[in-house]
N, C-alpha and C. Protein backbone atom coordinates (compact mmCIF):
# COMPACT_ATOMS: atom_id res chain seq x y z
N MET A 1 -18.41 -6.17 -11.83
CA MET A 1 -18.35 -5.94 -10.54
C MET A 1 -16.96 -6.71 -9.98
N PHE A 2 -17.08 -7.85 -10.09
CA PHE A 2 -16.12 -8.60 -9.45
C PHE A 2 -14.79 -8.37 -9.78
N LYS A 3 -14.59 -8.03 -11.07
CA LYS A 3 -13.09 -7.58 -11.76
C LYS A 3 -12.77 -6.17 -11.08
N TYR A 4 -13.71 -5.12 -10.89
CA TYR A 4 -13.51 -3.81 -10.32
C TYR A 4 -13.17 -4.12 -8.92
N LYS A 5 -13.79 -4.93 -8.25
CA LYS A 5 -13.41 -5.15 -6.79
C LYS A 5 -12.07 -5.84 -6.46
N SER A 6 -11.72 -6.62 -7.46
CA SER A 6 -10.37 -7.15 -7.39
C SER A 6 -9.48 -6.31 -7.74
N ILE A 7 -9.73 -5.55 -8.53
CA ILE A 7 -8.79 -4.41 -9.11
C ILE A 7 -8.52 -3.30 -7.96
N THR A 8 -9.67 -3.15 -7.30
CA THR A 8 -9.68 -1.90 -6.27
C THR A 8 -8.73 -2.67 -5.16
N VAL A 9 -8.83 -3.94 -4.74
CA VAL A 9 -8.06 -4.42 -3.78
C VAL A 9 -6.35 -4.20 -4.17
N ALA A 10 -6.32 -4.49 -5.45
CA ALA A 10 -4.83 -4.53 -6.03
C ALA A 10 -4.35 -3.27 -6.12
N ALA A 11 -5.25 -2.32 -6.16
CA ALA A 11 -4.79 -0.62 -6.37
C ALA A 11 -4.58 -0.45 -5.08
N LEU A 12 -5.27 -0.77 -4.10
CA LEU A 12 -5.17 -0.29 -2.51
C LEU A 12 -3.67 -0.92 -2.23
N VAL A 13 -3.50 -1.96 -2.69
CA VAL A 13 -2.32 -2.76 -2.06
C VAL A 13 -1.08 -1.85 -2.91
N VAL A 14 -1.15 -1.81 -3.97
CA VAL A 14 -0.29 -1.17 -4.90
C VAL A 14 -0.04 0.31 -4.32
N PHE A 15 -1.23 1.15 -4.21
CA PHE A 15 -1.09 2.34 -3.47
C PHE A 15 -0.32 2.29 -2.22
N SER A 16 -0.99 1.46 -1.33
CA SER A 16 -0.28 1.30 0.07
C SER A 16 1.28 1.06 0.05
N VAL A 17 1.58 0.09 -0.86
CA VAL A 17 2.85 -0.17 -0.96
C VAL A 17 3.93 0.71 -1.63
N LEU A 18 3.40 1.08 -3.03
CA LEU A 18 4.29 2.06 -3.71
C LEU A 18 4.23 3.46 -3.37
N ALA A 19 2.90 3.99 -2.82
CA ALA A 19 2.80 5.43 -2.49
C ALA A 19 3.41 5.72 -1.07
N VAL A 20 3.21 4.54 -0.32
CA VAL A 20 3.62 4.78 0.98
C VAL A 20 4.70 4.18 1.71
N SER A 21 4.61 2.88 1.39
CA SER A 21 5.78 2.05 1.97
C SER A 21 6.84 1.57 1.06
N VAL A 22 6.57 1.66 -0.18
CA VAL A 22 7.60 0.96 -1.18
C VAL A 22 8.56 2.39 -1.49
N ALA A 23 9.64 2.52 -1.22
CA ALA A 23 10.53 3.64 -1.33
C ALA A 23 11.86 3.12 -1.36
N PRO A 24 12.64 3.99 -2.13
CA PRO A 24 14.01 3.52 -2.05
C PRO A 24 14.54 3.51 -0.60
N VAL A 25 15.27 2.42 -0.54
CA VAL A 25 15.95 1.97 0.63
C VAL A 25 17.45 2.43 0.90
N ALA A 26 17.77 2.41 2.11
CA ALA A 26 19.37 2.66 2.25
C ALA A 26 19.95 1.37 2.77
N ALA A 27 20.85 0.86 1.95
CA ALA A 27 21.63 -0.46 2.38
C ALA A 27 22.39 -0.19 3.72
N GLN A 28 22.08 -1.34 4.54
CA GLN A 28 22.81 -1.03 5.66
C GLN A 28 24.39 -1.94 5.63
N SER A 29 24.28 -2.91 4.90
CA SER A 29 25.54 -3.70 4.55
C SER A 29 25.53 -4.55 3.47
N GLU A 30 26.24 -5.11 2.96
CA GLU A 30 26.50 -5.91 2.02
C GLU A 30 25.44 -7.10 1.92
N ALA A 31 24.78 -7.47 3.06
CA ALA A 31 24.09 -8.65 3.31
C ALA A 31 22.70 -8.43 2.80
N ASP A 32 22.26 -7.32 1.99
CA ASP A 32 20.94 -7.05 1.32
C ASP A 32 19.99 -6.71 2.36
N SER A 33 20.57 -6.21 3.64
CA SER A 33 19.76 -5.73 4.70
C SER A 33 19.30 -4.25 4.08
N CYS A 34 18.08 -3.77 4.56
CA CYS A 34 17.75 -2.53 3.99
C CYS A 34 16.96 -1.88 5.10
N THR A 35 16.48 -0.64 5.00
CA THR A 35 15.84 0.18 6.11
C THR A 35 15.04 1.11 5.39
N VAL A 36 13.80 1.43 5.84
CA VAL A 36 12.98 2.39 5.14
C VAL A 36 13.23 3.68 6.00
N ASP A 37 13.53 4.78 5.21
CA ASP A 37 13.73 5.98 5.80
C ASP A 37 12.72 7.14 5.08
N LEU A 38 12.43 8.10 6.00
CA LEU A 38 11.45 9.27 5.69
C LEU A 38 11.56 9.79 4.12
N GLU A 39 13.01 10.22 3.98
CA GLU A 39 13.53 10.64 2.74
C GLU A 39 12.99 9.85 1.35
N GLY A 40 13.20 8.43 1.60
CA GLY A 40 12.68 7.67 0.76
C GLY A 40 11.18 7.50 0.38
N MET A 41 10.69 7.46 1.65
CA MET A 41 9.26 7.59 1.57
C MET A 41 8.65 8.56 0.90
N GLN A 42 9.16 9.79 1.24
CA GLN A 42 8.57 11.10 0.44
C GLN A 42 8.89 10.97 -1.19
N MET A 43 10.13 10.28 -1.46
CA MET A 43 10.40 10.08 -2.85
C MET A 43 9.21 9.00 -3.43
N ALA A 44 8.97 8.13 -2.81
CA ALA A 44 7.82 7.19 -3.26
C ALA A 44 6.58 7.95 -3.42
N VAL A 45 6.09 8.94 -2.53
CA VAL A 45 4.98 9.66 -2.82
C VAL A 45 5.07 10.54 -3.88
N ASP A 46 6.20 11.25 -4.11
CA ASP A 46 6.40 12.02 -5.32
C ASP A 46 6.24 11.20 -6.66
N THR A 47 6.84 9.98 -6.69
CA THR A 47 6.79 9.01 -7.62
C THR A 47 5.41 8.79 -8.00
N TYR A 48 4.57 8.33 -6.98
CA TYR A 48 3.13 8.15 -6.96
C TYR A 48 2.37 9.13 -7.59
N ASN A 49 2.50 10.31 -7.18
CA ASN A 49 1.83 11.58 -7.67
C ASN A 49 2.26 11.74 -9.04
N GLY A 50 3.43 11.59 -9.39
CA GLY A 50 4.00 11.58 -10.86
C GLY A 50 3.31 10.73 -11.75
N ASN A 51 2.95 9.71 -11.47
CA ASN A 51 2.26 8.75 -12.10
C ASN A 51 0.84 8.46 -12.11
N LEU A 52 0.33 9.19 -11.34
CA LEU A 52 -1.36 9.29 -10.98
C LEU A 52 -2.18 8.92 -12.42
N ASP A 53 -1.54 9.67 -13.34
CA ASP A 53 -2.35 9.70 -14.76
C ASP A 53 -2.45 8.21 -15.20
N GLN A 54 -1.45 7.44 -14.93
CA GLN A 54 -1.39 5.80 -15.11
C GLN A 54 -2.52 5.07 -14.72
N LEU A 55 -3.10 5.62 -13.75
CA LEU A 55 -4.16 4.82 -13.02
C LEU A 55 -5.44 5.09 -13.65
N PRO A 56 -6.24 3.85 -13.95
CA PRO A 56 -7.51 4.23 -14.53
C PRO A 56 -8.53 4.83 -13.62
N GLY A 57 -9.59 5.70 -14.20
CA GLY A 57 -10.22 6.21 -13.48
C GLY A 57 -11.05 5.63 -12.44
N PRO A 58 -11.59 4.59 -12.52
CA PRO A 58 -12.14 3.77 -11.39
C PRO A 58 -11.29 3.53 -10.09
N LEU A 59 -10.04 3.19 -10.46
CA LEU A 59 -9.03 2.91 -9.35
C LEU A 59 -8.81 4.28 -8.75
N ARG A 60 -8.58 5.32 -9.40
CA ARG A 60 -8.54 6.68 -8.77
C ARG A 60 -9.44 7.09 -7.89
N GLY A 61 -10.65 6.75 -8.43
CA GLY A 61 -11.98 6.91 -7.46
C GLY A 61 -11.77 6.14 -6.16
N GLN A 62 -11.36 4.90 -6.17
CA GLN A 62 -11.13 4.18 -4.95
C GLN A 62 -10.12 4.82 -4.08
N LEU A 63 -9.04 5.27 -4.58
CA LEU A 63 -8.10 5.70 -3.86
C LEU A 63 -8.23 7.33 -3.42
N ALA A 64 -9.46 8.04 -3.82
CA ALA A 64 -9.63 9.30 -3.65
C ALA A 64 -10.11 9.63 -2.27
N GLY A 65 -9.64 10.67 -1.60
CA GLY A 65 -10.18 10.99 -0.43
C GLY A 65 -10.05 10.08 0.68
N GLU A 66 -8.87 9.52 0.87
CA GLU A 66 -8.58 8.44 1.95
C GLU A 66 -7.41 9.01 2.78
N ARG A 67 -7.68 8.65 4.09
CA ARG A 67 -6.57 9.01 5.05
C ARG A 67 -5.91 7.69 5.61
N VAL A 68 -4.75 7.45 5.24
CA VAL A 68 -4.27 6.05 5.30
C VAL A 68 -3.23 6.19 6.38
N ASN A 69 -3.26 5.26 7.25
CA ASN A 69 -2.04 5.11 8.47
C ASN A 69 -1.40 3.98 7.93
N VAL A 70 -0.08 3.87 7.94
CA VAL A 70 0.90 2.80 7.63
C VAL A 70 1.88 2.56 8.72
N VAL A 71 1.78 1.13 9.24
CA VAL A 71 2.74 0.86 10.03
C VAL A 71 3.59 -0.31 9.62
N ILE A 72 4.89 -0.04 9.70
CA ILE A 72 5.92 -0.88 9.07
C ILE A 72 6.78 -1.43 10.32
N THR A 73 6.60 -2.77 10.67
CA THR A 73 7.39 -3.24 11.83
C THR A 73 8.90 -3.59 11.09
N SER A 74 9.80 -3.30 12.18
CA SER A 74 11.13 -3.83 11.90
C SER A 74 11.67 -4.27 13.12
N SER A 75 12.98 -4.85 13.23
CA SER A 75 13.53 -5.00 14.61
C SER A 75 13.98 -4.04 15.15
N ASP A 76 14.07 -2.84 14.68
CA ASP A 76 14.41 -1.71 15.31
C ASP A 76 13.21 -0.98 15.99
N GLY A 77 11.92 -1.19 16.05
CA GLY A 77 10.84 -0.90 16.32
C GLY A 77 9.84 -0.64 15.06
N ASP A 78 8.79 0.13 15.21
CA ASP A 78 7.62 0.29 14.32
C ASP A 78 8.08 1.83 13.38
N TYR A 79 7.79 1.76 12.22
CA TYR A 79 7.74 3.01 11.64
C TYR A 79 6.41 3.28 11.29
N GLU A 80 5.98 4.63 11.48
CA GLU A 80 4.51 5.05 11.28
C GLU A 80 4.49 6.19 10.47
N TYR A 81 3.66 6.12 9.27
CA TYR A 81 3.63 7.02 8.25
C TYR A 81 2.15 7.28 8.04
N SER A 82 1.59 8.40 7.54
CA SER A 82 0.45 8.65 7.07
C SER A 82 0.32 9.40 5.77
N ALA A 83 -0.80 9.18 4.99
CA ALA A 83 -0.76 9.98 3.66
C ALA A 83 -2.38 10.34 3.54
N VAL A 84 -2.45 11.10 3.15
CA VAL A 84 -3.95 11.65 2.79
C VAL A 84 -4.05 12.05 1.27
N THR A 85 -5.20 11.59 0.68
CA THR A 85 -5.13 11.78 -0.61
C THR A 85 -6.44 12.87 -0.97
N ASN A 86 -6.43 13.65 -2.19
CA ASN A 86 -7.65 14.48 -2.35
C ASN A 86 -8.63 13.76 -3.33
N GLY A 87 -9.58 14.39 -3.89
CA GLY A 87 -10.64 13.84 -4.59
C GLY A 87 -10.03 13.21 -6.09
N ASP A 88 -8.69 13.56 -6.51
CA ASP A 88 -8.34 13.19 -7.32
C ASP A 88 -7.04 11.94 -7.16
N ALA A 89 -7.35 11.55 -5.88
CA ALA A 89 -6.20 10.43 -5.40
C ALA A 89 -4.83 11.03 -5.46
N ARG A 90 -4.43 12.23 -5.50
CA ARG A 90 -3.08 12.64 -5.29
C ARG A 90 -2.98 12.74 -3.89
N VAL A 91 -1.63 12.24 -3.43
CA VAL A 91 -1.24 12.51 -2.17
C VAL A 91 -0.99 13.82 -1.77
N THR A 92 -1.77 14.60 -0.86
CA THR A 92 -1.87 15.93 -0.44
C THR A 92 -0.89 16.23 0.79
N SER A 93 -0.80 15.07 1.54
CA SER A 93 -0.26 15.08 2.81
C SER A 93 0.39 13.81 3.09
N PHE A 94 1.68 13.95 3.78
CA PHE A 94 2.57 12.94 4.02
C PHE A 94 3.22 13.23 5.12
N SER A 95 3.19 12.16 6.25
CA SER A 95 4.02 12.52 7.43
C SER A 95 4.36 11.26 8.16
N GLU A 96 5.25 11.45 9.15
CA GLU A 96 5.77 10.45 9.88
C GLU A 96 4.84 10.09 11.04
N ASP A 97 3.93 11.03 11.37
CA ASP A 97 2.66 10.90 12.33
C ASP A 97 1.70 10.26 11.80
N LEU A 98 1.01 9.46 12.65
CA LEU A 98 -0.34 8.89 12.21
C LEU A 98 -1.31 9.97 11.99
N VAL A 99 -2.20 9.87 11.09
CA VAL A 99 -3.42 10.77 10.93
C VAL A 99 -4.66 10.32 11.87
N GLU A 100 -5.19 11.30 12.39
CA GLU A 100 -6.36 11.01 13.08
C GLU A 100 -7.58 10.84 12.27
N ASN A 101 -8.38 9.81 12.76
CA ASN A 101 -9.64 9.49 12.06
C ASN A 101 -9.06 8.95 10.75
N PRO A 102 -8.26 7.71 10.46
CA PRO A 102 -8.13 7.23 9.36
C PRO A 102 -9.04 6.47 8.45
N THR A 103 -9.20 6.35 7.39
CA THR A 103 -9.98 5.46 6.61
C THR A 103 -9.70 4.05 6.21
N LEU A 104 -8.32 3.94 6.01
CA LEU A 104 -7.63 2.82 5.94
C LEU A 104 -6.38 2.81 6.90
N ARG A 105 -6.30 1.43 7.10
CA ARG A 105 -5.02 1.22 7.83
C ARG A 105 -4.07 -0.10 7.07
N VAL A 106 -2.79 0.28 6.96
CA VAL A 106 -2.01 -0.61 6.38
C VAL A 106 -0.88 -1.08 7.28
N GLU A 107 -0.69 -2.58 7.39
CA GLU A 107 0.40 -3.01 8.13
C GLU A 107 1.25 -3.90 7.48
N THR A 108 2.61 -3.96 7.37
CA THR A 108 3.66 -4.74 6.77
C THR A 108 4.71 -4.58 7.90
N SER A 109 5.79 -5.53 7.20
CA SER A 109 7.17 -5.38 7.72
C SER A 109 7.90 -4.98 7.14
N GLU A 110 9.27 -4.31 7.58
CA GLU A 110 10.23 -3.99 6.82
C GLU A 110 10.98 -4.95 5.86
N SER A 111 10.86 -6.06 6.07
CA SER A 111 11.47 -7.23 5.38
C SER A 111 10.44 -7.53 4.09
N THR A 112 9.36 -7.25 4.12
CA THR A 112 8.37 -7.42 3.00
C THR A 112 8.52 -6.39 2.28
N VAL A 113 8.77 -5.16 2.68
CA VAL A 113 9.15 -3.92 1.91
C VAL A 113 10.14 -4.08 1.00
N CYS A 114 11.40 -4.49 1.85
CA CYS A 114 12.70 -4.93 0.98
C CYS A 114 12.42 -6.06 0.01
N GLU A 115 11.77 -7.05 0.12
CA GLU A 115 11.47 -8.12 -0.59
C GLU A 115 10.81 -7.80 -1.99
N ILE A 116 9.91 -6.82 -1.46
CA ILE A 116 9.15 -6.09 -2.97
C ILE A 116 9.92 -5.31 -3.79
N LEU A 117 10.74 -4.51 -2.96
CA LEU A 117 11.87 -3.71 -3.46
C LEU A 117 12.87 -4.47 -4.44
N ASP A 118 13.54 -5.61 -3.93
CA ASP A 118 14.36 -6.45 -4.68
C ASP A 118 13.66 -7.23 -5.58
N SER A 119 12.58 -7.27 -5.58
CA SER A 119 11.79 -7.97 -6.86
C SER A 119 11.90 -7.61 -8.22
N GLN A 120 12.00 -8.39 -9.21
CA GLN A 120 12.07 -7.99 -10.54
C GLN A 120 10.77 -7.56 -10.96
N ASN A 121 9.66 -7.70 -10.24
CA ASN A 121 8.21 -7.19 -10.55
C ASN A 121 7.61 -6.98 -9.14
N PRO A 122 7.93 -5.56 -8.72
CA PRO A 122 7.45 -5.18 -7.45
C PRO A 122 5.83 -5.16 -7.33
N ALA A 123 5.33 -5.02 -8.39
CA ALA A 123 3.78 -4.88 -8.36
C ALA A 123 3.16 -6.38 -7.83
N ALA A 124 3.77 -7.29 -8.63
CA ALA A 124 3.42 -8.90 -8.52
C ALA A 124 3.82 -9.20 -7.01
N ALA A 125 5.06 -8.77 -6.63
CA ALA A 125 5.51 -9.00 -5.29
C ALA A 125 4.53 -8.51 -4.12
N ALA A 126 4.07 -7.34 -4.37
CA ALA A 126 3.23 -6.62 -3.52
C ALA A 126 1.82 -7.56 -3.47
N LEU A 127 1.40 -7.89 -4.62
CA LEU A 127 0.11 -8.58 -4.63
C LEU A 127 0.35 -9.99 -3.72
N ASP A 128 1.46 -10.56 -4.05
CA ASP A 128 1.80 -11.87 -3.41
C ASP A 128 1.82 -11.75 -2.01
N ALA A 129 2.41 -10.62 -1.48
CA ALA A 129 2.65 -10.28 -0.09
C ALA A 129 1.19 -9.98 0.50
N TYR A 130 0.28 -9.56 -0.41
CA TYR A 130 -1.12 -9.13 0.12
C TYR A 130 -1.64 -10.45 0.18
N ARG A 131 -1.67 -11.45 -0.74
CA ARG A 131 -2.14 -12.69 -0.73
C ARG A 131 -1.90 -13.50 0.43
N ASN A 132 -0.61 -13.40 0.83
CA ASN A 132 0.02 -14.22 2.01
C ASN A 132 -0.15 -13.44 3.42
N ASP A 133 -0.98 -12.50 3.37
CA ASP A 133 -1.23 -11.60 4.44
C ASP A 133 0.08 -11.07 5.07
N ASP A 134 1.15 -10.86 4.47
CA ASP A 134 2.44 -10.13 4.85
C ASP A 134 2.16 -8.63 4.58
N ILE A 135 1.07 -8.14 3.73
CA ILE A 135 0.64 -6.81 4.01
C ILE A 135 -1.08 -6.89 4.32
N THR A 136 -1.33 -6.15 5.22
CA THR A 136 -2.82 -6.22 5.62
C THR A 136 -3.34 -4.78 5.43
N VAL A 137 -4.47 -4.58 4.84
CA VAL A 137 -5.26 -3.25 4.48
C VAL A 137 -6.48 -3.47 5.10
N GLU A 138 -6.74 -2.58 6.09
CA GLU A 138 -8.14 -2.73 6.83
C GLU A 138 -8.95 -1.47 6.65
N GLY A 139 -10.09 -1.49 6.56
CA GLY A 139 -10.84 -0.25 6.56
C GLY A 139 -11.16 0.08 7.91
N VAL A 140 -11.47 1.25 8.23
CA VAL A 140 -11.71 1.72 9.49
C VAL A 140 -13.28 2.17 9.32
N GLY A 141 -13.94 1.70 10.20
CA GLY A 141 -15.44 2.12 10.22
C GLY A 141 -16.28 0.87 9.64
N VAL A 142 -17.44 0.61 9.71
CA VAL A 142 -18.34 -0.49 9.24
C VAL A 142 -18.13 -0.73 7.69
N THR A 143 -18.60 0.51 7.15
CA THR A 143 -18.84 0.39 5.63
C THR A 143 -17.58 0.05 5.16
N LYS A 144 -16.48 0.87 5.41
CA LYS A 144 -15.19 0.58 4.76
C LYS A 144 -14.56 -0.85 4.92
N SER A 145 -14.83 -1.19 6.19
CA SER A 145 -14.48 -2.52 6.64
C SER A 145 -14.98 -3.72 6.00
N VAL A 146 -16.35 -3.53 5.85
CA VAL A 146 -16.92 -4.54 5.05
C VAL A 146 -16.87 -4.61 3.71
N THR A 147 -16.51 -3.42 2.92
CA THR A 147 -16.05 -3.22 1.56
C THR A 147 -14.81 -3.87 1.36
N LEU A 148 -13.84 -3.75 2.15
CA LEU A 148 -12.39 -4.25 2.07
C LEU A 148 -12.61 -5.92 2.26
N ARG A 149 -13.41 -6.27 3.32
CA ARG A 149 -13.47 -7.64 3.41
C ARG A 149 -14.11 -8.33 2.37
N VAL A 150 -14.88 -7.87 1.60
CA VAL A 150 -15.59 -8.43 0.68
C VAL A 150 -14.72 -8.30 -0.46
N ALA A 151 -13.87 -7.27 -0.87
CA ALA A 151 -12.89 -7.26 -1.77
C ALA A 151 -11.90 -8.07 -1.67
N LYS A 152 -11.51 -8.34 -0.59
CA LYS A 152 -10.40 -9.30 -0.11
C LYS A 152 -10.88 -10.68 -0.48
N THR A 153 -12.08 -11.03 -0.05
CA THR A 153 -12.61 -12.48 -0.35
C THR A 153 -12.75 -12.80 -1.82
N LEU A 154 -13.17 -11.51 -2.67
CA LEU A 154 -13.26 -11.82 -4.01
C LEU A 154 -11.92 -11.94 -4.79
N PHE A 155 -10.92 -11.06 -4.03
CA PHE A 155 -9.40 -11.28 -4.47
C PHE A 155 -8.90 -12.62 -4.43
N ASP A 156 -9.17 -13.33 -3.09
CA ASP A 156 -8.75 -14.51 -2.74
C ASP A 156 -9.22 -15.73 -3.74
N VAL A 157 -10.67 -15.42 -4.01
CA VAL A 157 -11.41 -16.47 -4.81
C VAL A 157 -10.70 -16.39 -6.36
N GLY A 158 -10.60 -14.86 -6.78
CA GLY A 158 -9.92 -14.81 -8.14
C GLY A 158 -8.47 -15.45 -8.18
N SER A 159 -7.76 -15.29 -7.21
CA SER A 159 -6.49 -15.93 -7.03
C SER A 159 -6.42 -17.33 -7.19
N ALA A 160 -7.33 -17.67 -6.35
CA ALA A 160 -7.49 -19.55 -6.37
C ALA A 160 -7.93 -19.85 -7.84
N LEU A 161 -8.62 -19.17 -8.45
CA LEU A 161 -9.15 -19.74 -9.82
C LEU A 161 -8.06 -19.08 -10.96
N GLY A 162 -6.78 -18.53 -10.50
CA GLY A 162 -5.88 -18.22 -11.51
C GLY A 162 -6.16 -16.95 -12.13
N LEU A 163 -7.06 -16.08 -11.70
CA LEU A 163 -7.34 -14.83 -12.45
C LEU A 163 -6.44 -13.77 -12.14
N PHE A 164 -5.55 -13.87 -11.11
CA PHE A 164 -4.48 -12.84 -10.82
C PHE A 164 -3.40 -13.43 -10.32
């Protein structure tokens, strides 16, 4: 169970970052600055859906039936997106608007997204950002909140022990 809770948190982070906020970015200058745009976000969702079969069944189950609001802060203001998954964890709806009654909230910064994208290992970079609280994933409602807090605690303990 410990392993599945940790994997669930990792999957939520990877889902949140890869499916919603890790997307191709447009370079603004040669100084490696980037910005997240809607077209790139939609491409990330398409990529996630196209690779859904690579997620183990238990992880897909944890990502199924979620309404996720994502806020990405930047110097230009906040980007707000939402994604809705069906029973198979496929993103069926993606929008620039926040979804009503979300089950999950994800917050990060544009610089974090760019660091992950520039990384040689984006999944590991996303987990590091999660460990360092550069990406926050919060459940909405008591049950979801408690489940995610317990999973985060188990993830932190596992990380401290060198398990991930």
